[in-house]
């Protein structure tokens, strides 16, 4: 699935996250956990969790790249 990209009329690119996107996906995931006030004992665990899911192709994680901005999920 890695590498699939769809373009929206507004210039937003929607793509499936791959191993190269772990840092960006982890930052978004961390924001999700913070928003819902989820306390994580090991601060590296959310990144490791996502890296493992992506490497094993066990999750479909979508990232949206907006023109002039970074990825969003």
Protein backbone atom coordinates (compact mmCIF):
# COMPACT_ATOMS: atom_id res chain seq x y z
CA UNK A 1 0.00 0.00 0.00
CA UNK A 2 2.94 2.27 0.54
CA UNK A 3 3.15 5.06 -2.02
CA UNK A 4 -0.52 5.40 -2.98
CA UNK A 5 -1.44 9.05 -3.47
CA UNK A 6 -4.74 10.76 -4.27
CA UNK A 7 -5.03 14.46 -5.05
CA UNK A 8 -8.04 16.52 -4.03
CA UNK A 9 -9.16 19.54 -6.05
CA UNK A 10 -7.92 21.88 -3.31
CA UNK A 11 -4.34 20.68 -3.82
CA UNK A 12 -4.39 18.43 -0.76
CA UNK A 13 -2.61 15.14 -1.31
CA UNK A 14 -3.92 12.14 0.59
CA UNK A 15 -1.50 9.25 0.91
CA UNK A 16 -0.97 6.02 2.77
CA UNK A 17 1.77 6.38 5.39
CA UNK A 18 4.86 4.26 4.88
CA UNK A 19 7.95 3.60 6.95
CA UNK A 20 9.42 6.97 5.94
CA UNK A 21 6.38 8.67 7.52
CA UNK A 22 6.70 7.20 11.02
CA UNK A 23 7.91 10.46 12.60
CA UNK A 24 5.10 12.54 11.10
CA UNK A 25 2.46 9.94 11.96
CA UNK A 26 3.85 9.59 15.50
CA UNK A 27 3.65 13.35 16.07
CA UNK A 28 -0.01 13.34 15.00
CA UNK A 29 -0.73 10.28 17.15
CA UNK A 30 0.92 11.96 20.13
CA UNK A 31 -1.35 14.97 19.58
CA UNK A 32 -4.37 12.65 19.53
CA UNK A 33 -3.29 11.02 22.80
CA UNK A 34 -2.65 14.41 24.40
CA UNK A 35 -6.06 15.73 23.28
CA UNK A 36 -7.81 12.78 24.91
CA UNK A 37 -5.55 13.09 27.96
CA UNK A 38 -4.16 9.58 27.58
CA UNK A 39 -1.16 9.11 29.82
CA UNK A 40 1.56 6.91 28.38
CA UNK A 41 4.19 5.54 30.76
CA UNK A 42 6.85 5.25 28.03
CA UNK A 43 6.91 8.35 25.79
CA UNK A 44 8.55 6.36 22.97
CA UNK A 45 5.85 3.69 22.94
CA UNK A 46 3.34 5.46 20.64
CA UNK A 47 6.03 5.88 17.97
CA UNK A 48 7.12 2.25 18.34
CA UNK A 49 3.49 1.12 18.15
CA UNK A 50 2.93 2.98 14.88
CA UNK A 51 6.27 1.87 13.42
CA UNK A 52 5.37 -1.75 14.11
CA UNK A 53 1.87 -1.40 12.62
CA UNK A 54 3.28 0.24 9.47
CA UNK A 55 6.14 -2.26 9.08
CA UNK A 56 3.76 -5.23 9.42
CA UNK A 57 1.11 -3.60 7.20
CA UNK A 58 -1.41 -4.03 10.05
CA UNK A 59 -2.91 -0.54 9.90
CA UNK A 60 -3.99 1.87 7.22
CA UNK A 61 -2.71 5.28 8.25
CA UNK A 62 -3.61 8.17 5.97
CA UNK A 63 -1.71 11.45 5.86
CA UNK A 64 -2.90 14.57 4.10
CA UNK A 65 -0.33 17.04 2.77
CA UNK A 66 -1.69 20.54 2.28
CA UNK A 67 0.06 22.99 -0.03
CA UNK A 68 2.55 25.00 2.02
CA UNK A 69 1.96 22.89 5.12
CA UNK A 70 3.07 19.68 6.68
CA UNK A 71 1.25 16.40 6.96
CA UNK A 72 -2.01 16.03 8.83
CA UNK A 73 -3.97 12.92 9.58
